[in-house]
Amino acid sequence: MADNFDYTVVDSIVDELGAAESSIIAILQAVQEHYRYLPREIFPHIAKRIGVSEVRIYSVATFYENFSLEPKGKFVIKVCDGTACHVRKSIPILERLRSELGLSAEKSTTDDLGFTVETVSCLGACGLAPVITVNDKVYPAMTPDKASELIKSLKEEV
């Protein structure tokens, strides 16, 4: 499988950010930005390029919650379930999103890689609760019906 992987993008990222252990996080962030996740094929390649163990790269990737080893959708929707959002009914919003996209707690990404729906502990916008983000754009005072409309408009872009 790794033999078919094109490392051109990864190599250009390492070249740009520097082949040093201190660049691991920045390299992983850039790779994830490009692929929307961290393909497993990159770990031995990056490790060799910067002269550290593959375990070191993998440990950084799995330590930080922001990194994903699973493919994510074009639109990553984060539903806040912090206290303010939860008491203002964020769960019905989450349930509507999952229902409309055919997702569940076990399956967070659509088969076509159009959408990923995740819950997060806090988005830091408590005064705007309940809040969701789509690719880090904040949508305040969300309701299940507003979420349905948002999905409908985003589907036109997939």
Protein backbone atom coordinates (compact mmCIF):
# COMPACT_ATOMS: atom_id res chain seq x y z
CA MET A 1 0.00 0.00 0.00
CA ALA A 2 2.77 2.43 0.91
CA ASP A 3 4.39 1.82 -2.46
CA ASN A 4 1.45 3.52 -4.20
CA PHE A 5 1.49 6.61 -1.97
CA ASP A 6 2.73 9.82 -3.57
CA TYR A 7 5.11 11.48 -1.11
CA THR A 8 5.60 14.64 -3.19
CA VAL A 9 3.34 16.77 -0.97
CA VAL A 10 4.86 15.39 2.23
CA ASP A 11 8.39 16.00 0.94
CA SER A 12 7.60 19.59 -0.01
CA ILE A 13 6.11 20.19 3.46
CA VAL A 14 9.20 18.76 5.18
CA ASP A 15 11.46 20.79 2.89
CA GLU A 16 9.53 23.97 3.65
CA LEU A 17 9.24 23.49 7.42
CA GLY A 18 12.61 21.89 8.03
CA ALA A 19 13.71 18.30 8.54
CA ALA A 20 14.10 18.63 12.30
CA GLU A 21 12.45 17.04 15.33
CA SER A 22 11.26 20.49 16.40
CA SER A 23 9.15 20.64 13.20
CA ILE A 24 7.10 17.47 13.87
CA ILE A 25 3.91 19.24 14.96
CA ALA A 26 4.05 21.80 12.15
CA ILE A 27 4.71 19.06 9.59
CA LEU A 28 1.81 16.95 10.84
CA GLN A 29 -0.49 19.98 10.84
CA ALA A 30 0.41 20.81 7.24
CA VAL A 31 0.01 17.20 6.11
CA GLN A 32 -3.38 16.98 7.83
CA GLU A 33 -4.44 20.28 6.28
CA HIS A 34 -3.68 18.85 2.85
CA TYR A 35 -5.21 15.37 3.26
CA ARG A 36 -7.80 16.23 5.97
CA TYR A 37 -6.23 13.46 8.09
CA LEU A 38 -2.84 11.79 8.65
CA PRO A 39 -2.41 8.84 6.29
CA ARG A 40 -0.55 6.00 8.03
CA GLU A 41 1.91 5.80 5.11
CA ILE A 42 3.45 9.12 6.10
CA PHE A 43 4.78 8.05 9.50
CA PRO A 44 7.80 5.98 8.39
CA HIS A 45 8.53 8.46 5.60
CA ILE A 46 8.55 11.53 7.86
CA ALA A 47 10.51 9.66 10.52
CA LYS A 48 13.23 8.80 8.01
CA ARG A 49 13.27 12.33 6.58
CA ILE A 50 13.78 14.03 9.96
CA GLY A 51 15.85 11.33 11.63
CA VAL A 52 13.58 10.23 14.47
CA SER A 53 11.76 6.99 15.21
CA GLU A 54 8.41 6.26 13.64
CA VAL A 55 7.08 5.79 17.19
CA ARG A 56 8.04 9.41 17.97
CA ILE A 57 5.99 10.72 15.03
CA TYR A 58 3.07 8.44 15.87
CA SER A 59 3.13 9.41 19.57
CA VAL A 60 2.84 13.10 18.68
CA ALA A 61 0.01 12.39 16.22
CA THR A 62 -1.95 10.39 18.79
CA PHE A 63 -1.23 12.68 21.76
CA TYR A 64 -2.92 15.75 20.31
CA GLU A 65 -6.68 15.48 19.88
CA ASN A 66 -6.63 17.77 16.85
CA PHE A 67 -4.85 15.16 14.74
CA SER A 68 -6.87 12.44 13.03
CA LEU A 69 -5.69 9.10 11.71
CA GLU A 70 -9.05 8.55 10.00
CA PRO A 71 -10.18 10.36 6.83
CA LYS A 72 -12.48 13.30 7.46
CA GLY A 73 -15.11 14.86 5.28
CA LYS A 74 -14.82 17.99 3.19
CA PHE A 75 -17.01 19.64 5.83
CA VAL A 76 -16.05 18.92 9.43
CA ILE A 77 -18.95 19.86 11.68
CA LYS A 78 -18.19 20.18 15.38
CA VAL A 79 -21.14 20.26 17.75
CA CYS A 80 -20.36 21.81 21.11
CA ASP A 81 -21.58 19.83 24.10
CA GLY A 82 -20.09 22.00 26.80
CA THR A 83 -22.32 23.04 29.68
CA ALA A 84 -23.80 26.18 28.09
CA CYS A 85 -24.51 24.46 24.78
CA HIS A 86 -25.79 21.28 26.43
CA VAL A 87 -28.36 23.10 28.59
CA ARG A 88 -29.44 25.07 25.52
CA LYS A 89 -30.17 21.81 23.67
CA SER A 90 -27.12 20.95 21.58
CA ILE A 91 -27.95 17.21 21.61
CA PRO A 92 -31.09 17.55 19.42
CA ILE A 93 -28.90 19.46 16.93
CA LEU A 94 -26.35 16.64 16.95
CA GLU A 95 -29.12 14.06 16.52
CA ARG A 96 -30.60 15.98 13.56
CA LEU A 97 -27.22 16.28 11.85
CA ARG A 98 -26.54 12.59 12.29
CA SER A 99 -30.01 11.67 11.08
CA GLU A 100 -29.81 13.83 7.97
CA LEU A 101 -26.35 12.52 7.07
CA GLY A 102 -26.88 8.87 7.99
CA LEU A 103 -24.27 9.02 10.76
CA SER A 104 -24.08 7.79 14.34
CA ALA A 105 -21.79 7.90 17.37
CA GLU A 106 -19.88 4.99 15.82
CA LYS A 107 -19.80 6.37 12.27
CA SER A 108 -18.81 10.03 12.13
CA THR A 109 -17.96 10.45 8.42
CA THR A 110 -20.17 9.95 5.38
CA ASP A 111 -19.09 7.32 2.85
CA ASP A 112 -18.52 9.97 0.19
CA LEU A 113 -16.21 11.91 2.56
CA GLY A 114 -18.51 14.91 2.26
CA PHE A 115 -19.22 15.35 5.97
CA THR A 116 -17.76 14.52 9.36
CA VAL A 117 -19.79 15.23 12.51
CA GLU A 118 -18.00 15.34 15.85
CA THR A 119 -18.83 16.48 19.35
CA VAL A 120 -16.40 18.64 21.27
CA SER A 121 -16.28 19.59 24.93
CA CYS A 122 -16.20 23.33 24.30
CA LEU A 123 -15.82 25.69 21.36
CA GLY A 124 -15.25 28.73 23.57
CA ALA A 125 -18.34 30.59 22.38
CA CYS A 126 -20.61 30.00 25.38
CA GLY A 127 -22.45 33.31 24.98
CA LEU A 128 -23.57 32.21 21.51
CA ALA A 129 -24.83 28.78 22.64
CA PRO A 130 -25.75 26.41 21.22
CA VAL A 131 -22.90 26.59 18.74
CA ILE A 132 -21.56 24.44 15.94
CA THR A 133 -18.63 25.03 13.63
CA VAL A 134 -18.18 23.98 10.03
CA ASN A 135 -14.49 23.92 9.10
CA ASP A 136 -13.92 26.29 12.04
CA LYS A 137 -16.55 28.84 10.96
CA VAL A 138 -18.86 29.50 13.92
CA TYR A 139 -22.63 29.15 13.59
CA PRO A 140 -24.27 30.60 16.73
CA ALA A 141 -27.73 30.11 18.25
CA MET A 142 -28.14 26.87 16.32
CA THR A 143 -31.37 24.88 16.23
CA PRO A 144 -32.15 21.51 14.64
CA ASP A 145 -34.06 23.27 11.84
CA LYS A 146 -31.18 25.71 11.19
CA ALA A 147 -28.81 22.72 11.13
CA SER A 148 -30.99 21.04 8.48
CA GLU A 149 -30.91 24.17 6.33
CA LEU A 150 -27.14 24.43 6.74
CA ILE A 151 -26.67 20.79 5.66
CA LYS A 152 -28.90 21.39 2.65
CA SER A 153 -26.80 24.37 1.53
CA LEU A 154 -23.50 22.57 2.17
CA LYS A 155 -24.63 19.54 0.16
CA GLU A 156 -24.80 21.79 -2.89
CA GLU A 157 -21.04 22.41 -2.45
CA VAL A 158 -20.00 18.74 -2.08
